């Protein structure tokens, strides 16, 4: 399955599932990344970490490890 980490800059993807466990999953959900939400990938840092996305109308930087826990389509 494709993850948020695999999405390209300029692409809008829809969240299908969060695969994290416990506090990590809760933190991702608290940032506004939940099932069914559209996420726009704005920028990726030169070394690939972090990834800047737009979620629910605001900009958010997500670590590469956290982005791999968000399955998208």
PDB file of N, CA and C in Angstrom:
ATOM      1  N   UNK A   1       0.847  -1.191   0.000  1.00  0.00           N
ATOM      2  CA  UNK A   1       0.000   0.000   0.000  1.00  0.00           C
ATOM      3  C   UNK A   1       0.884   1.243   0.000  1.00  0.00           C
ATOM      4  N   UNK A   2       0.441   2.272  -0.666  1.00  0.00           N
ATOM      5  CA  UNK A   2       1.164   3.538  -0.738  1.00  0.00           C
ATOM      6  C   UNK A   2       1.027   4.301   0.579  1.00  0.00           C
ATOM      7  N   UNK A   3       2.115   4.925   1.024  1.00  0.00           N
ATOM      8  CA  UNK A   3       2.083   5.711   2.253  1.00  0.00           C
ATOM      9  C   UNK A   3       2.282   7.189   1.929  1.00  0.00           C
ATOM     10  N   UNK A   4       2.065   8.033   2.913  1.00  0.00           N
ATOM     11  CA  UNK A   4       2.268   9.476   2.740  1.00  0.00           C
ATOM     12  C   UNK A   4       3.720   9.763   2.377  1.00  0.00           C
ATOM     13  N   UNK A   5       4.625   8.951   2.855  1.00  0.00           N
ATOM     14  CA  UNK A   5       6.051   9.110   2.539  1.00  0.00           C
ATOM     15  C   UNK A   5       6.306   8.928   1.042  1.00  0.00           C
ATOM     16  N   UNK A   6       5.517   8.094   0.375  1.00  0.00           N
ATOM     17  CA  UNK A   6       5.696   7.801  -1.055  1.00  0.00           C
ATOM     18  C   UNK A   6       5.057   8.845  -1.968  1.00  0.00           C
ATOM     19  N   UNK A   7       4.201   9.712  -1.423  1.00  0.00           N
ATOM     20  CA  UNK A   7       3.509  10.717  -2.235  1.00  0.00           C
ATOM     21  C   UNK A   7       4.503  11.749  -2.760  1.00  0.00           C
ATOM     22  N   UNK A   8       4.267  12.225  -3.955  1.00  0.00           N
ATOM     23  CA  UNK A   8       5.145  13.206  -4.606  1.00  0.00           C
ATOM     24  C   UNK A   8       4.726  14.630  -4.261  1.00  0.00           C
ATOM     25  N   UNK A   9       5.664  15.563  -4.386  1.00  0.00           N
ATOM     26  CA  UNK A   9       5.384  16.979  -4.143  1.00  0.00           C
ATOM     27  C   UNK A   9       4.334  17.449  -5.146  1.00  0.00           C
ATOM     28  N   UNK A  10       3.331  18.174  -4.667  1.00  0.00           N
ATOM     29  CA  UNK A  10       2.262  18.675  -5.519  1.00  0.00           C
ATOM     30  C   UNK A  10       1.087  17.724  -5.640  1.00  0.00           C
ATOM     31  N   UNK A  11       1.178  16.571  -5.034  1.00  0.00           N
ATOM     32  CA  UNK A  11       0.129  15.560  -5.121  1.00  0.00           C
ATOM     33  C   UNK A  11      -0.833  15.686  -3.932  1.00  0.00           C
ATOM     34  N   UNK A  12      -2.117  15.471  -4.195  1.00  0.00           N
ATOM     35  CA  UNK A  12      -3.116  15.422  -3.123  1.00  0.00           C
ATOM     36  C   UNK A  12      -3.553  13.976  -2.981  1.00  0.00           C
ATOM     37  N   UNK A  13      -3.479  13.471  -1.751  1.00  0.00           N
ATOM     38  CA  UNK A  13      -3.828  12.076  -1.491  1.00  0.00           C
ATOM     39  C   UNK A  13      -4.876  12.022  -0.391  1.00  0.00           C
ATOM     40  N   UNK A  14      -5.595  10.906  -0.329  1.00  0.00           N
ATOM     41  CA  UNK A  14      -6.637  10.702   0.692  1.00  0.00           C
ATOM     42  C   UNK A  14      -6.141   9.643   1.679  1.00  0.00           C
ATOM     43  N   UNK A  15      -6.283   9.936   2.968  1.00  0.00           N
ATOM     44  CA  UNK A  15      -5.855   9.007   4.012  1.00  0.00           C
ATOM     45  C   UNK A  15      -6.817   7.832   4.067  1.00  0.00           C
ATOM     46  N   UNK A  16      -6.263   6.618   4.017  1.00  0.00           N
ATOM     47  CA  UNK A  16      -7.057   5.398   4.055  1.00  0.00           C
ATOM     48  C   UNK A  16      -6.993   4.760   5.441  1.00  0.00           C
ATOM     49  N   UNK A  17      -5.785   4.761   6.036  1.00  0.00           N
ATOM     50  CA  UNK A  17      -5.595   4.044   7.297  1.00  0.00           C
ATOM     51  C   UNK A  17      -4.357   4.563   8.015  1.00  0.00           C
ATOM     52  N   UNK A  18      -4.400   4.552   9.346  1.00  0.00           N
ATOM     53  CA  UNK A  18      -3.224   4.862  10.165  1.00  0.00           C
ATOM     54  C   UNK A  18      -2.733   3.552  10.767  1.00  0.00           C
ATOM     55  N   UNK A  19      -1.452   3.255  10.576  1.00  0.00           N
ATOM     56  CA  UNK A  19      -0.922   1.970  11.030  1.00  0.00           C
ATOM     57  C   UNK A  19      -0.128   2.065  12.327  1.00  0.00           C
ATOM     58  N   UNK A  20       0.063   3.260  12.869  1.00  0.00           N
ATOM     59  CA  UNK A  20       0.825   3.419  14.112  1.00  0.00           C
ATOM     60  C   UNK A  20       0.101   2.802  15.297  1.00  0.00           C
ATOM     61  N   UNK A  21       0.818   2.689  16.412  1.00  0.00           N
ATOM     62  CA  UNK A  21       0.251   2.118  17.629  1.00  0.00           C
ATOM     63  C   UNK A  21       0.337   3.113  18.780  1.00  0.00           C
ATOM     64  N   UNK A  22      -0.630   3.060  19.677  1.00  0.00           N
ATOM     65  CA  UNK A  22      -0.607   3.819  20.922  1.00  0.00           C
ATOM     66  C   UNK A  22      -0.400   5.311  20.768  1.00  0.00           C
ATOM     67  N   UNK A  23       0.570   5.865  21.523  1.00  0.00           N
ATOM     68  CA  UNK A  23       0.778   7.318  21.552  1.00  0.00           C
ATOM     69  C   UNK A  23       1.184   7.907  20.189  1.00  0.00           C
ATOM     70  N   UNK A  24       1.881   7.129  19.376  1.00  0.00           N
ATOM     71  CA  UNK A  24       2.305   7.626  18.055  1.00  0.00           C
ATOM     72  C   UNK A  24       1.085   7.848  17.174  1.00  0.00           C
ATOM     73  N   UNK A  25       0.193   6.881  17.143  1.00  0.00           N
ATOM     74  CA  UNK A  25      -1.043   6.999  16.354  1.00  0.00           C
ATOM     75  C   UNK A  25      -1.890   8.162  16.875  1.00  0.00           C
ATOM     76  N   UNK A  26      -1.975   8.308  18.185  1.00  0.00           N
ATOM     77  CA  UNK A  26      -2.758   9.392  18.793  1.00  0.00           C
ATOM     78  C   UNK A  26      -2.190  10.749  18.393  1.00  0.00           C
ATOM     79  N   UNK A  27      -0.849  10.883  18.377  1.00  0.00           N
ATOM     80  CA  UNK A  27      -0.216  12.151  18.004  1.00  0.00           C
ATOM     81  C   UNK A  27      -0.520  12.507  16.549  1.00  0.00           C
ATOM     82  N   UNK A  28      -0.471  11.515  15.667  1.00  0.00           N
ATOM     83  CA  UNK A  28      -0.781  11.756  14.256  1.00  0.00           C
ATOM     84  C   UNK A  28      -2.237  12.218  14.113  1.00  0.00           C
ATOM     85  N   UNK A  29      -3.138  11.582  14.841  1.00  0.00           N
ATOM     86  CA  UNK A  29      -4.553  11.960  14.778  1.00  0.00           C
ATOM     87  C   UNK A  29      -4.769  13.356  15.364  1.00  0.00           C
ATOM     88  N   UNK A  30      -4.054  13.699  16.420  1.00  0.00           N
ATOM     89  CA  UNK A  30      -4.170  15.027  17.027  1.00  0.00           C
ATOM     90  C   UNK A  30      -3.704  16.124  16.073  1.00  0.00           C
ATOM     91  N   UNK A  31      -2.799  15.788  15.143  1.00  0.00           N
ATOM     92  CA  UNK A  31      -2.332  16.758  14.157  1.00  0.00           C
ATOM     93  C   UNK A  31      -3.360  16.978  13.054  1.00  0.00           C
ATOM     94  N   UNK A  32      -4.428  16.182  13.042  1.00  0.00           N
ATOM     95  CA  UNK A  32      -5.490  16.359  12.058  1.00  0.00           C
ATOM     96  C   UNK A  32      -5.459  15.358  10.925  1.00  0.00           C
ATOM     97  N   UNK A  33      -4.518  14.430  10.964  1.00  0.00           N
ATOM     98  CA  UNK A  33      -4.436  13.410   9.914  1.00  0.00           C
ATOM     99  C   UNK A  33      -5.285  12.224  10.364  1.00  0.00           C
ATOM    100  N   UNK A  34      -6.496  12.139   9.813  1.00  0.00           N
ATOM    101  CA  UNK A  34      -7.418  11.059  10.153  1.00  0.00           C
ATOM    102  C   UNK A  34      -7.951  10.433   8.865  1.00  0.00           C
ATOM    103  N   UNK A  35      -8.598   9.299   8.995  1.00  0.00           N
ATOM    104  CA  UNK A  35      -9.139   8.566   7.850  1.00  0.00           C
ATOM    105  C   UNK A  35     -10.109   9.435   7.055  1.00  0.00           C
ATOM    106  N   UNK A  36      -9.947   9.431   5.721  1.00  0.00           N
ATOM    107  CA  UNK A  36     -10.848  10.149   4.833  1.00  0.00           C
ATOM    108  C   UNK A  36     -10.445  11.584   4.525  1.00  0.00           C
ATOM    109  N   UNK A  37      -9.420  12.090   5.156  1.00  0.00           N
ATOM    110  CA  UNK A  37      -8.980  13.482   4.956  1.00  0.00           C
ATOM    111  C   UNK A  37      -8.023  13.575   3.771  1.00  0.00           C
ATOM    112  N   UNK A  38      -8.160  14.651   2.976  1.00  0.00           N
ATOM    113  CA  UNK A  38      -7.229  14.915   1.873  1.00  0.00           C
ATOM    114  C   UNK A  38      -5.995  15.619   2.417  1.00  0.00           C
ATOM    115  N   UNK A  39      -4.823  15.172   1.955  1.00  0.00           N
ATOM    116  CA  UNK A  39      -3.545  15.744   2.373  1.00  0.00           C
ATOM    117  C   UNK A  39      -2.798  16.165   1.114  1.00  0.00           C
ATOM    118  N   UNK A  40      -2.378  17.434   1.070  1.00  0.00           N
ATOM    119  CA  UNK A  40      -1.616  17.966  -0.057  1.00  0.00           C
ATOM    120  C   UNK A  40      -0.143  18.035   0.338  1.00  0.00           C
ATOM    121  N   UNK A  41       0.724  17.424  -0.448  1.00  0.00           N
ATOM    122  CA  UNK A  41       2.169  17.432  -0.158  1.00  0.00           C
ATOM    123  C   UNK A  41       2.763  18.694  -0.760  1.00  0.00           C
ATOM    124  N   UNK A  42       3.217  19.624   0.107  1.00  0.00           N
ATOM    125  CA  UNK A  42       3.749  20.914  -0.344  1.00  0.00           C
ATOM    126  C   UNK A  42       5.229  20.851  -0.670  1.00  0.00           C
ATOM    127  N   UNK A  43       6.033  20.343   0.264  1.00  0.00           N
ATOM    128  CA  UNK A  43       7.488  20.326   0.095  1.00  0.00           C
ATOM    129  C   UNK A  43       8.074  19.119   0.807  1.00  0.00           C
ATOM    130  N   UNK A  44       9.265  18.746   0.372  1.00  0.00           N
ATOM    131  CA  UNK A  44      10.050  17.728   1.070  1.00  0.00           C
ATOM    132  C   UNK A  44      11.436  18.318   1.277  1.00  0.00           C
ATOM    133  N   UNK A  45      11.955  18.201   2.479  1.00  0.00           N
ATOM    134  CA  UNK A  45      13.284  18.734   2.787  1.00  0.00           C
ATOM    135  C   UNK A  45      14.338  18.040   1.923  1.00  0.00           C
ATOM    136  N   UNK A  46      15.482  18.682   1.704  1.00  0.00           N
ATOM    137  CA  UNK A  46      16.516  18.113   0.827  1.00  0.00           C
ATOM    138  C   UNK A  46      16.930  16.682   1.181  1.00  0.00           C
ATOM    139  N   UNK A  47      16.980  16.347   2.443  1.00  0.00           N
ATOM    140  CA  UNK A  47      17.348  14.986   2.830  1.00  0.00           C
ATOM    141  C   UNK A  47      16.131  14.093   3.043  1.00  0.00           C
ATOM    142  N   UNK A  48      14.938  14.599   2.709  1.00  0.00           N
ATOM    143  CA  UNK A  48      13.723  13.804   2.777  1.00  0.00           C
ATOM    144  C   UNK A  48      13.002  13.830   4.112  1.00  0.00           C
ATOM    145  N   UNK A  49      13.520  14.568   5.068  1.00  0.00           N
ATOM    146  CA  UNK A  49      12.898  14.615   6.397  1.00  0.00           C
ATOM    147  C   UNK A  49      13.000  16.021   6.953  1.00  0.00           C
ATOM    148  N   UNK A  50      11.948  16.730   7.277  1.00  0.00           N
ATOM    149  CA  UNK A  50      10.541  16.325   7.285  1.00  0.00           C
ATOM    150  C   UNK A  50       9.842  16.588   5.954  1.00  0.00           C
ATOM    151  N   UNK A  51       8.573  16.217   5.920  1.00  0.00           N
ATOM    152  CA  UNK A  51       7.708  16.444   4.762  1.00  0.00           C
ATOM    153  C   UNK A  51       6.690  17.499   5.173  1.00  0.00           C
ATOM    154  N   UNK A  52       6.548  18.544   4.366  1.00  0.00           N
ATOM    155  CA  UNK A  52       5.573  19.592   4.682  1.00  0.00           C
ATOM    156  C   UNK A  52       4.302  19.339   3.898  1.00  0.00           C
ATOM    157  N   UNK A  53       3.177  19.260   4.626  1.00  0.00           N
ATOM    158  CA  UNK A  53       1.883  18.967   4.015  1.00  0.00           C
ATOM    159  C   UNK A  53       0.858  20.011   4.444  1.00  0.00           C
ATOM    160  N   UNK A  54      -0.236  20.082   3.695  1.00  0.00           N
ATOM    161  CA  UNK A  54      -1.372  20.921   4.074  1.00  0.00           C
ATOM    162  C   UNK A  54      -2.526  19.985   4.433  1.00  0.00           C
ATOM    163  N   UNK A  55      -3.005  20.134   5.667  1.00  0.00           N
ATOM    164  CA  UNK A  55      -4.093  19.299   6.182  1.00  0.00           C
ATOM    165  C   UNK A  55      -5.125  20.210   6.817  1.00  0.00           C
ATOM    166  N   UNK A  56      -6.381  20.082   6.404  1.00  0.00           N
ATOM    167  CA  UNK A  56      -7.478  20.859   6.993  1.00  0.00           C
ATOM    168  C   UNK A  56      -7.206  22.368   6.982  1.00  0.00           C
ATOM    169  N   UNK A  57      -6.509  22.843   5.936  1.00  0.00           N
ATOM    170  CA  UNK A  57      -6.290  24.273   5.771  1.00  0.00           C
ATOM    171  C   UNK A  57      -5.075  24.843   6.475  1.00  0.00           C
ATOM    172  N   UNK A  58      -4.230  24.024   7.082  1.00  0.00           N
ATOM    173  CA  UNK A  58      -3.020  24.549   7.706  1.00  0.00           C
ATOM    174  C   UNK A  58      -1.813  23.703   7.321  1.00  0.00           C
ATOM    175  N   UNK A  59      -0.625  24.319   7.411  1.00  0.00           N
ATOM    176  CA  UNK A  59       0.609  23.640   7.055  1.00  0.00           C
ATOM    177  C   UNK A  59       1.116  22.834   8.249  1.00  0.00           C
ATOM    178  N   UNK A  60       1.680  21.680   7.949  1.00  0.00           N
ATOM    179  CA  UNK A  60       2.142  20.774   8.982  1.00  0.00           C
ATOM    180  C   UNK A  60       3.409  20.087   8.493  1.00  0.00           C
ATOM    181  N   UNK A  61       4.396  19.973   9.356  1.00  0.00           N
ATOM    182  CA  UNK A  61       5.607  19.220   9.032  1.00  0.00           C
ATOM    183  C   UNK A  61       5.523  17.871   9.726  1.00  0.00           C
ATOM    184  N   UNK A  62       5.726  16.819   8.941  1.00  0.00           N
ATOM    185  CA  UNK A  62       5.605  15.457   9.446  1.00  0.00           C
ATOM    186  C   UNK A  62       6.935  14.742   9.257  1.00  0.00           C
ATOM    187  N   UNK A  63       7.383  14.060  10.294  1.00  0.00           N
ATOM    188  CA  UNK A  63       8.613  13.277  10.183  1.00  0.00           C
ATOM    189  C   UNK A  63       8.412  12.125   9.212  1.00  0.00           C
ATOM    190  N   UNK A  64       9.509  11.723   8.575  1.00  0.00           N
ATOM    191  CA  UNK A  64       9.458  10.640   7.602  1.00  0.00           C
ATOM    192  C   UNK A  64       8.927   9.353   8.246  1.00  0.00           C
ATOM    193  N   UNK A  65       9.347   9.064   9.473  1.00  0.00           N
ATOM    194  CA  UNK A  65       8.897   7.849  10.166  1.00  0.00           C
ATOM    195  C   UNK A  65       7.388   7.882  10.398  1.00  0.00           C
ATOM    196  N   UNK A  66       6.854   9.066  10.738  1.00  0.00           N
ATOM    197  CA  UNK A  66       5.409   9.191  10.945  1.00  0.00           C
ATOM    198  C   UNK A  66       4.658   9.103   9.622  1.00  0.00           C
ATOM    199  N   UNK A  67       5.224   9.662   8.560  1.00  0.00           N
ATOM    200  CA  UNK A  67       4.580   9.628   7.242  1.00  0.00           C
ATOM    201  C   UNK A  67       4.449   8.199   6.722  1.00  0.00           C
ATOM    202  N   UNK A  68       5.376   7.323   7.119  1.00  0.00           N
ATOM    203  CA  UNK A  68       5.309   5.929   6.681  1.00  0.00           C
ATOM    204  C   UNK A  68       4.168   5.174   7.363  1.00  0.00           C
ATOM    205  N   UNK A  69       3.608   5.730   8.433  1.00  0.00           N
ATOM    206  CA  UNK A  69       2.504   5.086   9.150  1.00  0.00           C
ATOM    207  C   UNK A  69       1.133   5.493   8.623  1.00  0.00           C
ATOM    208  N   UNK A  70       1.102   6.391   7.618  1.00  0.00           N
ATOM    209  CA  UNK A  70      -0.162   6.885   7.078  1.00  0.00           C
ATOM    210  C   UNK A  70      -0.354   6.294   5.680  1.00  0.00           C
ATOM    211  N   UNK A  71      -1.283   5.344   5.546  1.00  0.00           N
ATOM    212  CA  UNK A  71      -1.579   4.741   4.249  1.00  0.00           C
ATOM    213  C   UNK A  71      -2.533   5.659   3.492  1.00  0.00           C
ATOM    214  N   UNK A  72      -2.228   5.889   2.204  1.00  0.00           N
ATOM    215  CA  UNK A  72      -3.019   6.809   1.384  1.00  0.00           C
ATOM    216  C   UNK A  72      -3.370   6.172   0.042  1.00  0.00           C
ATOM    217  N   UNK A  73      -4.296   6.813  -0.662  1.00  0.00           N
ATOM    218  CA  UNK A  73      -4.640   6.399  -2.033  1.00  0.00           C
ATOM    219  C   UNK A  73      -4.664   7.590  -2.938  1.00  0.00           C
TER     220      UNK A  73
END
